[in-house]
Amino acid sequence: MSKTQRTREICALAPIVPVLVVDDAAQARPLAEALVAGGLPALEVTLRTPAALDAIRAMAEVPGGVVGAGTLVTPEDVRAAKEAGAQFGVSPGATDALIAACEAEGLPLLPGAATASEAMALLEKGYDMLKFFPAEASGGAPALKAIGAPLPQIKFCPTGGVSPENARNYLSLSNVVCAGGSWVAPKQMVIDGDWAGIENLARSASKLMD
C-alpha cells in the first residue's frame, strides 16, 4: 500500500511546484492567487521565515490552490504546518520521527532522498513518491535517470537548482512527475507586488510538459 498516493496526485497537478520563501504574510494571498491563475495550483511554502505559517494560513483560503509546507524537519514543524492549514508536507530528507508525525497528523509527505539507499529505505516504509534533493548538486537529471533504472516503481519531484533552462531535462524522465522551482516567484517581483509578472512566469512553467 502506497502511503504517497495523495502526494502523487498533488504532484501531478502541474509540472512545477513553486518553492516559496515568504517574508511578509501580507504578500501570501496575492502571490498564491497569481500562481494558481498561471496554472500552478500546488504551492510549497518553506518554513524558513517567521511569516511562513501565517503565509500558509492565508494561502489555504485561495480557491483552487493546494498549499503545502516545505522544510519540515521536526515533529513540531509537522504539527504547526497542519494546524496552519497545510495540505501536504515536504522535507529535505526523512527521519522516522518526521514520518511518524506526518502519519499521526494525516499530512501527506513528500520526503527527500538523494541516493538509491535512501530511496529504497523510504520505499520499504511505503513511500514511492519522493523529492530528489538537492537535485543539481546530486548529479542532476543524469543521476536521477540512473537511480530510476533499477527503481522504476519510485517517482520523483527533483528540487534544488532546477531552472527554466534545465527543467525539461528532468521533466522528460519517466520517473519524474513534477519539479520544484523557485524561479516562478522571484524575490524582487514579490517585493514589488508584480503579480501579473508572476502569473506570466507561472503560465510559462505550467506548459513545460507540453
N, C-alpha and C. Protein backbone atom coordinates (compact mmCIF):
# COMPACT_ATOMS: atom_id res chain seq x y z
N MET A 1 0.85 -1.20 0.00
CA MET A 1 0.00 0.00 0.00
C MET A 1 0.88 1.24 0.00
N SER A 2 0.71 2.07 -1.03
CA SER A 2 1.48 3.31 -1.09
C SER A 2 0.94 4.32 -0.09
N LYS A 3 1.84 4.91 0.68
CA LYS A 3 1.45 5.97 1.61
C LYS A 3 1.51 7.33 0.93
N THR A 4 1.88 7.32 -0.34
CA THR A 4 2.06 8.60 -1.02
C THR A 4 1.11 8.79 -2.20
N GLN A 5 -0.02 8.09 -2.19
CA GLN A 5 -0.99 8.24 -3.28
C GLN A 5 -1.47 9.69 -3.38
N ARG A 6 -1.84 10.29 -2.25
CA ARG A 6 -2.32 11.67 -2.26
C ARG A 6 -1.19 12.63 -2.67
N THR A 7 0.01 12.37 -2.19
CA THR A 7 1.15 13.21 -2.56
C THR A 7 1.37 13.16 -4.07
N ARG A 8 1.26 11.98 -4.63
CA ARG A 8 1.46 11.81 -6.07
C ARG A 8 0.39 12.57 -6.85
N GLU A 9 -0.85 12.54 -6.36
CA GLU A 9 -1.94 13.28 -7.01
C GLU A 9 -1.67 14.78 -7.00
N ILE A 10 -1.16 15.28 -5.88
CA ILE A 10 -0.84 16.72 -5.77
C ILE A 10 0.31 17.06 -6.72
N CYS A 11 1.32 16.22 -6.76
CA CYS A 11 2.47 16.47 -7.63
C CYS A 11 2.07 16.46 -9.11
N ALA A 12 1.04 15.71 -9.44
CA ALA A 12 0.61 15.59 -10.83
C ALA A 12 -0.26 16.75 -11.30
N LEU A 13 -0.56 17.70 -10.41
CA LEU A 13 -1.42 18.82 -10.78
C LEU A 13 -0.79 19.75 -11.81
N ALA A 14 0.54 19.88 -11.78
CA ALA A 14 1.25 20.77 -12.70
C ALA A 14 2.71 20.35 -12.77
N PRO A 15 3.42 20.73 -13.85
CA PRO A 15 4.82 20.30 -13.98
C PRO A 15 5.75 20.91 -12.94
N ILE A 16 5.39 22.09 -12.42
CA ILE A 16 6.25 22.78 -11.46
C ILE A 16 5.49 23.06 -10.17
N VAL A 17 6.12 22.75 -9.04
CA VAL A 17 5.62 23.13 -7.73
C VAL A 17 6.45 24.33 -7.28
N PRO A 18 5.87 25.52 -7.18
CA PRO A 18 6.63 26.67 -6.72
C PRO A 18 7.15 26.45 -5.29
N VAL A 19 8.45 26.71 -5.11
CA VAL A 19 9.06 26.63 -3.78
C VAL A 19 9.20 28.07 -3.30
N LEU A 20 8.43 28.41 -2.27
CA LEU A 20 8.25 29.82 -1.89
C LEU A 20 8.86 30.14 -0.53
N VAL A 21 9.61 31.23 -0.49
CA VAL A 21 10.13 31.78 0.76
C VAL A 21 9.39 33.10 0.97
N VAL A 22 8.47 33.13 1.92
CA VAL A 22 7.61 34.30 2.13
C VAL A 22 8.08 35.07 3.36
N ASP A 23 8.48 36.32 3.14
CA ASP A 23 8.97 37.15 4.25
C ASP A 23 7.87 37.99 4.88
N ASP A 24 6.80 38.25 4.11
CA ASP A 24 5.71 39.10 4.58
C ASP A 24 4.39 38.39 4.30
N ALA A 25 3.68 38.02 5.34
CA ALA A 25 2.44 37.26 5.17
C ALA A 25 1.39 38.03 4.38
N ALA A 26 1.50 39.36 4.34
CA ALA A 26 0.55 40.16 3.57
C ALA A 26 0.66 39.89 2.08
N GLN A 27 1.81 39.38 1.66
CA GLN A 27 2.01 39.09 0.23
C GLN A 27 1.52 37.69 -0.13
N ALA A 28 1.19 36.88 0.84
CA ALA A 28 0.92 35.46 0.60
C ALA A 28 -0.29 35.23 -0.29
N ARG A 29 -1.41 35.87 0.03
CA ARG A 29 -2.62 35.60 -0.75
C ARG A 29 -2.49 36.05 -2.20
N PRO A 30 -2.07 37.31 -2.48
CA PRO A 30 -1.93 37.69 -3.89
C PRO A 30 -0.89 36.87 -4.64
N LEU A 31 0.15 36.43 -3.94
CA LEU A 31 1.16 35.57 -4.56
C LEU A 31 0.53 34.24 -4.96
N ALA A 32 -0.21 33.63 -4.04
CA ALA A 32 -0.86 32.36 -4.33
C ALA A 32 -1.88 32.51 -5.45
N GLU A 33 -2.64 33.60 -5.43
CA GLU A 33 -3.65 33.83 -6.48
C GLU A 33 -2.99 33.93 -7.86
N ALA A 34 -1.84 34.61 -7.92
CA ALA A 34 -1.13 34.77 -9.20
C ALA A 34 -0.63 33.42 -9.70
N LEU A 35 -0.06 32.62 -8.81
CA LEU A 35 0.49 31.32 -9.21
C LEU A 35 -0.62 30.36 -9.65
N VAL A 36 -1.72 30.35 -8.91
CA VAL A 36 -2.85 29.48 -9.26
C VAL A 36 -3.45 29.92 -10.60
N ALA A 37 -3.59 31.24 -10.78
CA ALA A 37 -4.14 31.75 -12.04
C ALA A 37 -3.24 31.39 -13.22
N GLY A 38 -1.94 31.30 -12.96
CA GLY A 38 -0.99 30.94 -14.00
C GLY A 38 -0.91 29.44 -14.27
N GLY A 39 -1.65 28.66 -13.51
CA GLY A 39 -1.69 27.22 -13.76
C GLY A 39 -0.83 26.36 -12.86
N LEU A 40 -0.38 26.94 -11.73
CA LEU A 40 0.42 26.16 -10.77
C LEU A 40 -0.31 26.11 -9.43
N PRO A 41 -1.20 25.14 -9.24
CA PRO A 41 -2.02 25.11 -8.03
C PRO A 41 -1.34 24.58 -6.77
N ALA A 42 -0.34 23.71 -6.93
CA ALA A 42 0.33 23.14 -5.74
C ALA A 42 1.47 24.06 -5.33
N LEU A 43 1.42 24.56 -4.11
CA LEU A 43 2.36 25.58 -3.64
C LEU A 43 3.09 25.09 -2.39
N GLU A 44 4.40 25.18 -2.39
CA GLU A 44 5.20 24.79 -1.22
C GLU A 44 5.76 26.03 -0.54
N VAL A 45 5.27 26.30 0.67
CA VAL A 45 5.78 27.42 1.46
C VAL A 45 6.83 26.86 2.43
N THR A 46 8.07 27.28 2.26
CA THR A 46 9.14 26.75 3.11
C THR A 46 9.08 27.39 4.50
N LEU A 47 9.30 26.57 5.51
CA LEU A 47 9.26 27.07 6.89
C LEU A 47 10.62 27.69 7.26
N ARG A 48 11.05 28.66 6.45
CA ARG A 48 12.35 29.28 6.66
C ARG A 48 12.25 30.71 7.17
N THR A 49 11.03 31.22 7.28
CA THR A 49 10.86 32.60 7.74
C THR A 49 9.81 32.65 8.85
N PRO A 50 9.85 33.71 9.69
CA PRO A 50 8.85 33.84 10.75
C PRO A 50 7.43 33.98 10.19
N ALA A 51 7.31 34.41 8.92
CA ALA A 51 5.99 34.62 8.32
C ALA A 51 5.39 33.36 7.70
N ALA A 52 6.15 32.28 7.65
CA ALA A 52 5.75 31.11 6.87
C ALA A 52 4.40 30.53 7.27
N LEU A 53 4.17 30.35 8.56
CA LEU A 53 2.91 29.73 8.99
C LEU A 53 1.71 30.63 8.70
N ASP A 54 1.89 31.94 8.89
CA ASP A 54 0.81 32.87 8.55
C ASP A 54 0.57 32.89 7.05
N ALA A 55 1.65 32.72 6.28
CA ALA A 55 1.52 32.67 4.82
C ALA A 55 0.71 31.44 4.41
N ILE A 56 0.96 30.31 5.06
CA ILE A 56 0.21 29.09 4.77
C ILE A 56 -1.27 29.30 5.09
N ARG A 57 -1.54 29.95 6.23
CA ARG A 57 -2.94 30.22 6.60
C ARG A 57 -3.64 31.05 5.53
N ALA A 58 -2.96 32.07 5.03
CA ALA A 58 -3.55 32.95 4.01
C ALA A 58 -3.74 32.21 2.69
N MET A 59 -2.74 31.43 2.29
CA MET A 59 -2.81 30.72 1.01
C MET A 59 -3.83 29.60 1.03
N ALA A 60 -4.08 29.03 2.21
CA ALA A 60 -5.03 27.92 2.33
C ALA A 60 -6.44 28.36 1.95
N GLU A 61 -6.69 29.67 1.94
CA GLU A 61 -8.03 30.20 1.63
C GLU A 61 -8.19 30.53 0.14
N VAL A 62 -7.13 30.36 -0.64
CA VAL A 62 -7.19 30.72 -2.07
C VAL A 62 -7.87 29.60 -2.86
N PRO A 63 -8.97 29.90 -3.55
CA PRO A 63 -9.68 28.87 -4.32
C PRO A 63 -8.78 28.26 -5.39
N GLY A 64 -8.83 26.93 -5.47
CA GLY A 64 -8.05 26.24 -6.49
C GLY A 64 -6.63 25.92 -6.11
N GLY A 65 -6.18 26.46 -4.98
CA GLY A 65 -4.82 26.20 -4.55
C GLY A 65 -4.72 25.03 -3.59
N VAL A 66 -3.56 24.37 -3.61
CA VAL A 66 -3.27 23.29 -2.66
C VAL A 66 -1.95 23.67 -2.01
N VAL A 67 -2.00 24.16 -0.78
CA VAL A 67 -0.80 24.69 -0.15
C VAL A 67 -0.15 23.64 0.75
N GLY A 68 1.16 23.56 0.65
CA GLY A 68 1.92 22.64 1.48
C GLY A 68 3.01 23.37 2.23
N ALA A 69 3.59 22.70 3.21
CA ALA A 69 4.68 23.26 4.00
C ALA A 69 5.98 22.55 3.65
N GLY A 70 6.98 23.33 3.30
CA GLY A 70 8.28 22.76 2.98
C GLY A 70 9.26 22.92 4.14
N THR A 71 10.42 22.29 3.99
CA THR A 71 11.47 22.33 5.01
C THR A 71 10.96 21.79 6.35
N LEU A 72 10.13 20.75 6.31
CA LEU A 72 9.73 20.08 7.55
C LEU A 72 10.93 19.28 8.06
N VAL A 73 11.31 19.52 9.30
CA VAL A 73 12.47 18.85 9.88
C VAL A 73 12.12 18.10 11.17
N THR A 74 11.21 18.67 11.96
CA THR A 74 10.87 18.08 13.26
C THR A 74 9.38 17.77 13.35
N PRO A 75 8.99 16.90 14.29
CA PRO A 75 7.56 16.66 14.50
C PRO A 75 6.80 17.94 14.84
N GLU A 76 7.47 18.89 15.52
CA GLU A 76 6.84 20.16 15.85
C GLU A 76 6.50 20.94 14.58
N ASP A 77 7.41 20.89 13.61
CA ASP A 77 7.14 21.54 12.31
C ASP A 77 5.88 20.96 11.68
N VAL A 78 5.76 19.65 11.74
CA VAL A 78 4.62 18.96 11.12
C VAL A 78 3.31 19.41 11.78
N ARG A 79 3.29 19.42 13.11
CA ARG A 79 2.07 19.80 13.81
C ARG A 79 1.69 21.25 13.54
N ALA A 80 2.69 22.13 13.53
CA ALA A 80 2.43 23.56 13.27
C ALA A 80 1.92 23.77 11.85
N ALA A 81 2.50 23.05 10.90
CA ALA A 81 2.09 23.18 9.49
C ALA A 81 0.65 22.71 9.31
N LYS A 82 0.34 21.58 9.90
CA LYS A 82 -1.02 21.03 9.78
C LYS A 82 -2.03 21.98 10.41
N GLU A 83 -1.68 22.53 11.55
CA GLU A 83 -2.58 23.45 12.26
C GLU A 83 -2.81 24.72 11.44
N ALA A 84 -1.79 25.11 10.66
CA ALA A 84 -1.90 26.33 9.85
C ALA A 84 -2.70 26.10 8.57
N GLY A 85 -2.99 24.84 8.26
CA GLY A 85 -3.81 24.56 7.08
C GLY A 85 -3.08 23.90 5.94
N ALA A 86 -1.82 23.48 6.17
CA ALA A 86 -1.08 22.81 5.10
C ALA A 86 -1.78 21.51 4.71
N GLN A 87 -1.84 21.26 3.39
CA GLN A 87 -2.48 20.04 2.89
C GLN A 87 -1.49 18.95 2.51
N PHE A 88 -0.21 19.31 2.50
CA PHE A 88 0.85 18.32 2.30
C PHE A 88 2.13 18.90 2.89
N GLY A 89 3.13 18.02 3.06
CA GLY A 89 4.41 18.45 3.61
C GLY A 89 5.56 17.99 2.73
N VAL A 90 6.64 18.74 2.77
CA VAL A 90 7.84 18.41 2.01
C VAL A 90 9.04 18.51 2.95
N SER A 91 9.93 17.52 2.88
CA SER A 91 11.10 17.55 3.76
C SER A 91 12.37 17.34 2.95
N PRO A 92 13.49 17.95 3.41
CA PRO A 92 14.76 17.79 2.68
C PRO A 92 15.30 16.37 2.72
N GLY A 93 14.97 15.66 3.80
CA GLY A 93 15.37 14.26 3.96
C GLY A 93 14.24 13.55 4.68
N ALA A 94 14.54 12.50 5.40
CA ALA A 94 13.48 11.80 6.12
C ALA A 94 14.05 11.14 7.37
N THR A 95 13.31 11.27 8.47
CA THR A 95 13.66 10.55 9.70
C THR A 95 12.42 9.79 10.16
N ASP A 96 12.63 8.78 10.99
CA ASP A 96 11.50 8.00 11.49
C ASP A 96 10.53 8.89 12.27
N ALA A 97 11.06 9.84 13.05
CA ALA A 97 10.20 10.72 13.86
C ALA A 97 9.36 11.62 12.98
N LEU A 98 9.97 12.13 11.90
CA LEU A 98 9.24 13.02 10.99
C LEU A 98 8.12 12.26 10.28
N ILE A 99 8.44 11.06 9.80
CA ILE A 99 7.45 10.25 9.11
C ILE A 99 6.30 9.88 10.05
N ALA A 100 6.65 9.51 11.27
CA ALA A 100 5.62 9.15 12.26
C ALA A 100 4.70 10.33 12.55
N ALA A 101 5.28 11.53 12.64
CA ALA A 101 4.48 12.72 12.93
C ALA A 101 3.52 13.01 11.79
N CYS A 102 3.99 12.89 10.54
CA CYS A 102 3.12 13.13 9.38
C CYS A 102 1.98 12.12 9.34
N GLU A 103 2.30 10.87 9.64
CA GLU A 103 1.26 9.83 9.61
C GLU A 103 0.25 10.06 10.74
N ALA A 104 0.75 10.50 11.91
CA ALA A 104 -0.15 10.77 13.04
C ALA A 104 -1.08 11.94 12.74
N GLU A 105 -0.57 12.94 12.02
CA GLU A 105 -1.35 14.13 11.71
C GLU A 105 -2.17 13.97 10.42
N GLY A 106 -1.94 12.87 9.71
CA GLY A 106 -2.64 12.68 8.44
C GLY A 106 -2.19 13.68 7.38
N LEU A 107 -0.91 14.06 7.42
CA LEU A 107 -0.36 15.03 6.47
C LEU A 107 0.43 14.28 5.40
N PRO A 108 -0.05 14.29 4.14
CA PRO A 108 0.69 13.62 3.07
C PRO A 108 2.10 14.21 2.97
N LEU A 109 3.11 13.34 2.88
CA LEU A 109 4.50 13.79 2.91
C LEU A 109 5.23 13.46 1.62
N LEU A 110 6.00 14.45 1.13
CA LEU A 110 6.94 14.25 0.04
C LEU A 110 8.33 14.28 0.67
N PRO A 111 8.87 13.09 1.04
CA PRO A 111 10.14 13.05 1.74
C PRO A 111 11.33 13.11 0.78
N GLY A 112 12.41 13.71 1.23
CA GLY A 112 13.58 13.87 0.38
C GLY A 112 14.52 12.68 0.42
N ALA A 113 15.13 12.41 -0.74
CA ALA A 113 16.16 11.37 -0.86
C ALA A 113 17.14 11.79 -1.94
N ALA A 114 18.41 11.48 -1.74
CA ALA A 114 19.43 11.84 -2.73
C ALA A 114 20.18 10.64 -3.26
N THR A 115 19.97 9.47 -2.65
CA THR A 115 20.71 8.27 -3.05
C THR A 115 19.76 7.09 -3.23
N ALA A 116 20.24 6.06 -3.89
CA ALA A 116 19.43 4.85 -4.08
C ALA A 116 19.09 4.22 -2.73
N SER A 117 20.03 4.23 -1.80
CA SER A 117 19.77 3.63 -0.48
C SER A 117 18.67 4.37 0.26
N GLU A 118 18.71 5.71 0.20
CA GLU A 118 17.67 6.50 0.87
C GLU A 118 16.31 6.24 0.21
N ALA A 119 16.30 6.16 -1.11
CA ALA A 119 15.05 5.89 -1.83
C ALA A 119 14.50 4.51 -1.48
N MET A 120 15.39 3.53 -1.39
CA MET A 120 14.95 2.17 -1.05
C MET A 120 14.42 2.09 0.37
N ALA A 121 15.05 2.82 1.29
CA ALA A 121 14.60 2.82 2.69
C ALA A 121 13.20 3.41 2.79
N LEU A 122 12.93 4.46 2.01
CA LEU A 122 11.60 5.07 2.03
C LEU A 122 10.57 4.18 1.35
N LEU A 123 10.98 3.51 0.27
CA LEU A 123 10.09 2.58 -0.41
C LEU A 123 9.66 1.46 0.54
N GLU A 124 10.60 1.02 1.35
CA GLU A 124 10.34 -0.03 2.34
C GLU A 124 9.25 0.40 3.32
N LYS A 125 9.18 1.72 3.58
CA LYS A 125 8.18 2.27 4.50
C LYS A 125 6.86 2.60 3.80
N GLY A 126 6.78 2.35 2.48
CA GLY A 126 5.55 2.61 1.76
C GLY A 126 5.52 3.93 1.01
N TYR A 127 6.68 4.58 0.90
CA TYR A 127 6.74 5.88 0.20
C TYR A 127 7.37 5.70 -1.18
N ASP A 128 6.56 5.93 -2.22
CA ASP A 128 7.07 5.73 -3.58
C ASP A 128 6.98 7.02 -4.43
N MET A 129 6.68 8.15 -3.78
CA MET A 129 6.75 9.47 -4.42
C MET A 129 7.67 10.31 -3.56
N LEU A 130 8.87 10.59 -4.10
CA LEU A 130 9.92 11.22 -3.30
C LEU A 130 10.41 12.52 -3.92
N LYS A 131 10.99 13.36 -3.08
CA LYS A 131 11.68 14.55 -3.55
C LYS A 131 13.15 14.18 -3.76
N PHE A 132 13.68 14.44 -4.96
CA PHE A 132 15.12 14.22 -5.22
C PHE A 132 15.82 15.53 -4.90
N PHE A 133 16.56 15.54 -3.79
CA PHE A 133 17.15 16.79 -3.28
C PHE A 133 18.52 16.54 -2.67
N PRO A 134 19.48 17.46 -2.89
CA PRO A 134 19.44 18.60 -3.81
C PRO A 134 19.75 18.13 -5.24
N ALA A 135 18.82 18.37 -6.14
CA ALA A 135 18.86 17.74 -7.47
C ALA A 135 20.14 18.02 -8.25
N GLU A 136 20.44 19.28 -8.50
CA GLU A 136 21.62 19.58 -9.33
C GLU A 136 22.90 19.17 -8.63
N ALA A 137 23.01 19.43 -7.34
CA ALA A 137 24.22 19.09 -6.59
C ALA A 137 24.42 17.58 -6.47
N SER A 138 23.33 16.81 -6.65
CA SER A 138 23.41 15.35 -6.54
C SER A 138 23.61 14.67 -7.88
N GLY A 139 23.92 15.46 -8.91
CA GLY A 139 24.19 14.86 -10.21
C GLY A 139 23.17 15.16 -11.29
N GLY A 140 22.12 15.91 -10.90
CA GLY A 140 21.15 16.36 -11.88
C GLY A 140 20.34 15.26 -12.53
N ALA A 141 19.81 15.58 -13.72
CA ALA A 141 18.94 14.64 -14.43
C ALA A 141 19.63 13.31 -14.75
N PRO A 142 20.92 13.30 -15.14
CA PRO A 142 21.56 12.01 -15.40
C PRO A 142 21.58 11.10 -14.17
N ALA A 143 21.83 11.68 -13.00
CA ALA A 143 21.84 10.88 -11.77
C ALA A 143 20.46 10.33 -11.46
N LEU A 144 19.44 11.17 -11.63
CA LEU A 144 18.08 10.74 -11.34
C LEU A 144 17.63 9.65 -12.31
N LYS A 145 18.04 9.78 -13.56
CA LYS A 145 17.73 8.75 -14.56
C LYS A 145 18.39 7.43 -14.17
N ALA A 146 19.64 7.50 -13.70
CA ALA A 146 20.38 6.29 -13.31
C ALA A 146 19.76 5.62 -12.09
N ILE A 147 19.33 6.44 -11.10
CA ILE A 147 18.69 5.89 -9.90
C ILE A 147 17.36 5.22 -10.29
N GLY A 148 16.69 5.82 -11.27
CA GLY A 148 15.37 5.32 -11.66
C GLY A 148 15.40 3.99 -12.37
N ALA A 149 16.50 3.69 -13.03
CA ALA A 149 16.55 2.46 -13.81
C ALA A 149 16.26 1.21 -12.98
N PRO A 150 16.93 1.00 -11.82
CA PRO A 150 16.62 -0.18 -11.02
C PRO A 150 15.44 0.00 -10.07
N LEU A 151 14.90 1.23 -9.98
CA LEU A 151 13.80 1.50 -9.05
C LEU A 151 12.63 2.16 -9.79
N PRO A 152 12.09 1.47 -10.81
CA PRO A 152 11.06 2.10 -11.63
C PRO A 152 9.75 2.38 -10.90
N GLN A 153 9.57 1.74 -9.75
CA GLN A 153 8.31 1.94 -9.02
C GLN A 153 8.31 3.25 -8.22
N ILE A 154 9.45 3.93 -8.14
CA ILE A 154 9.52 5.19 -7.40
C ILE A 154 9.45 6.37 -8.37
N LYS A 155 8.61 7.35 -8.06
CA LYS A 155 8.52 8.60 -8.82
C LYS A 155 9.14 9.73 -8.00
N PHE A 156 9.60 10.76 -8.70
CA PHE A 156 10.33 11.83 -8.03
C PHE A 156 9.84 13.22 -8.41
N CYS A 157 10.10 14.16 -7.49
CA CYS A 157 9.97 15.59 -7.73
C CYS A 157 11.34 16.20 -7.47
N PRO A 158 12.19 16.35 -8.50
CA PRO A 158 13.51 16.94 -8.28
C PRO A 158 13.40 18.40 -7.86
N THR A 159 14.19 18.77 -6.87
CA THR A 159 14.17 20.14 -6.34
C THR A 159 15.59 20.52 -5.93
N GLY A 160 15.94 21.76 -6.19
CA GLY A 160 17.27 22.25 -5.81
C GLY A 160 18.12 22.47 -7.05
N GLY A 161 18.16 23.72 -7.51
CA GLY A 161 18.93 24.03 -8.71
C GLY A 161 18.16 23.83 -10.00
N VAL A 162 16.86 23.49 -9.89
CA VAL A 162 16.04 23.35 -11.09
C VAL A 162 15.71 24.75 -11.61
N SER A 163 15.84 24.95 -12.91
CA SER A 163 15.66 26.27 -13.51
C SER A 163 14.90 26.13 -14.83
N PRO A 164 14.47 27.25 -15.42
CA PRO A 164 13.80 27.16 -16.73
C PRO A 164 14.71 26.52 -17.78
N GLU A 165 16.03 26.67 -17.59
CA GLU A 165 16.98 26.14 -18.57
C GLU A 165 17.11 24.62 -18.50
N ASN A 166 17.01 24.04 -17.30
CA ASN A 166 17.22 22.59 -17.18
C ASN A 166 15.96 21.81 -16.79
N ALA A 167 14.85 22.49 -16.58
CA ALA A 167 13.64 21.80 -16.09
C ALA A 167 13.19 20.69 -17.02
N ARG A 168 13.24 20.95 -18.33
CA ARG A 168 12.78 19.92 -19.28
C ARG A 168 13.65 18.66 -19.23
N ASN A 169 14.93 18.82 -18.87
CA ASN A 169 15.80 17.64 -18.74
C ASN A 169 15.25 16.68 -17.69
N TYR A 170 14.74 17.25 -16.60
CA TYR A 170 14.13 16.44 -15.54
C TYR A 170 12.75 15.93 -15.95
N LEU A 171 11.92 16.85 -16.45
CA LEU A 171 10.53 16.51 -16.73
C LEU A 171 10.38 15.48 -17.85
N SER A 172 11.44 15.30 -18.65
CA SER A 172 11.39 14.30 -19.72
C SER A 172 11.66 12.88 -19.21
N LEU A 173 12.11 12.77 -17.96
CA LEU A 173 12.42 11.44 -17.40
C LEU A 173 11.13 10.71 -17.03
N SER A 174 11.13 9.40 -17.24
CA SER A 174 9.92 8.61 -16.97
C SER A 174 9.60 8.52 -15.48
N ASN A 175 10.60 8.76 -14.61
CA ASN A 175 10.36 8.65 -13.17
C ASN A 175 10.12 10.01 -12.50
N VAL A 176 9.90 11.06 -13.29
CA VAL A 176 9.65 12.40 -12.75
C VAL A 176 8.20 12.80 -13.01
N VAL A 177 7.50 13.19 -11.94
CA VAL A 177 6.12 13.64 -12.05
C VAL A 177 6.06 15.16 -12.20
N CYS A 178 6.92 15.85 -11.44
CA CYS A 178 6.97 17.31 -11.47
C CYS A 178 8.33 17.71 -10.92
N ALA A 179 8.61 19.02 -10.90
CA ALA A 179 9.85 19.51 -10.31
C ALA A 179 9.53 20.71 -9.43
N GLY A 180 10.36 20.93 -8.42
CA GLY A 180 10.19 22.09 -7.56
C GLY A 180 11.05 23.23 -8.06
N GLY A 181 10.47 24.43 -8.14
CA GLY A 181 11.23 25.56 -8.65
C GLY A 181 10.89 26.85 -7.95
N SER A 182 11.89 27.66 -7.70
CA SER A 182 11.66 28.94 -7.02
C SER A 182 11.62 30.12 -8.00
N TRP A 183 12.00 29.88 -9.28
CA TRP A 183 12.11 31.00 -10.22
C TRP A 183 10.77 31.62 -10.58
N VAL A 184 9.67 30.91 -10.31
CA VAL A 184 8.36 31.45 -10.68
C VAL A 184 7.90 32.56 -9.73
N ALA A 185 8.62 32.75 -8.63
CA ALA A 185 8.27 33.82 -7.69
C ALA A 185 9.55 34.54 -7.24
N PRO A 186 10.19 35.28 -8.15
CA PRO A 186 11.44 35.97 -7.79
C PRO A 186 11.22 36.96 -6.66
N LYS A 187 12.18 37.03 -5.77
CA LYS A 187 12.06 37.86 -4.56
C LYS A 187 11.68 39.31 -4.90
N GLN A 188 12.36 39.88 -5.90
CA GLN A 188 12.09 41.28 -6.22
C GLN A 188 10.69 41.49 -6.76
N MET A 189 10.20 40.54 -7.54
CA MET A 189 8.83 40.67 -8.08
C MET A 189 7.81 40.57 -6.95
N VAL A 190 8.09 39.75 -5.96
CA VAL A 190 7.19 39.64 -4.80
C VAL A 190 7.20 40.95 -4.02
N ILE A 191 8.40 41.49 -3.77
CA ILE A 191 8.53 42.76 -3.04
C ILE A 191 7.78 43.87 -3.78
N ASP A 192 7.91 43.88 -5.11
CA ASP A 192 7.27 44.92 -5.92
C ASP A 192 5.77 44.70 -6.11
N GLY A 193 5.29 43.52 -5.71
CA GLY A 193 3.87 43.21 -5.92
C GLY A 193 3.53 43.04 -7.39
N ASP A 194 4.48 42.53 -8.16
CA ASP A 194 4.27 42.34 -9.59
C ASP A 194 3.57 41.00 -9.83
N TRP A 195 2.29 40.96 -9.45
CA TRP A 195 1.55 39.70 -9.50
C TRP A 195 1.28 39.27 -10.94
N ALA A 196 1.10 40.24 -11.84
CA ALA A 196 0.89 39.90 -13.26
C ALA A 196 2.13 39.24 -13.84
N GLY A 197 3.30 39.76 -13.47
CA GLY A 197 4.56 39.18 -13.93
C GLY A 197 4.75 37.77 -13.42
N ILE A 198 4.38 37.55 -12.15
CA ILE A 198 4.50 36.22 -11.56
C ILE A 198 3.50 35.26 -12.21
N GLU A 199 2.31 35.77 -12.51
CA GLU A 199 1.33 34.92 -13.20
C GLU A 199 1.86 34.49 -14.57
N ASN A 200 2.55 35.39 -15.27
CA ASN A 200 3.12 35.06 -16.57
C ASN A 200 4.22 34.00 -16.45
N LEU A 201 5.07 34.13 -15.41
CA LEU A 201 6.12 33.13 -15.18
C LEU A 201 5.48 31.78 -14.88
N ALA A 202 4.42 31.79 -14.09
CA ALA A 202 3.72 30.55 -13.75
C ALA A 202 3.12 29.92 -15.00
N ARG A 203 2.53 30.76 -15.85
CA ARG A 203 1.91 30.23 -17.06
C ARG A 203 2.95 29.53 -17.95
N SER A 204 4.12 30.16 -18.08
CA SER A 204 5.19 29.53 -18.86
C SER A 204 5.62 28.21 -18.24
N ALA A 205 5.77 28.18 -16.91
CA ALA A 205 6.18 26.96 -16.22
C ALA A 205 5.13 25.86 -16.34
N SER A 206 3.87 26.26 -16.39
CA SER A 206 2.78 25.26 -16.45
C SER A 206 2.77 24.53 -17.79
N LYS A 207 3.48 25.08 -18.78
CA LYS A 207 3.48 24.49 -20.13
C LYS A 207 4.77 23.72 -20.41
N LEU A 208 5.59 23.52 -19.40
CA LEU A 208 6.89 22.87 -19.62
C LEU A 208 6.79 21.43 -20.08
N MET A 209 5.65 20.79 -19.85
CA MET A 209 5.50 19.41 -20.28
C MET A 209 4.74 19.29 -21.59
N ASP A 210 4.30 20.44 -22.14
CA ASP A 210 3.54 20.41 -23.39
C ASP A 210 4.42 19.96 -24.55
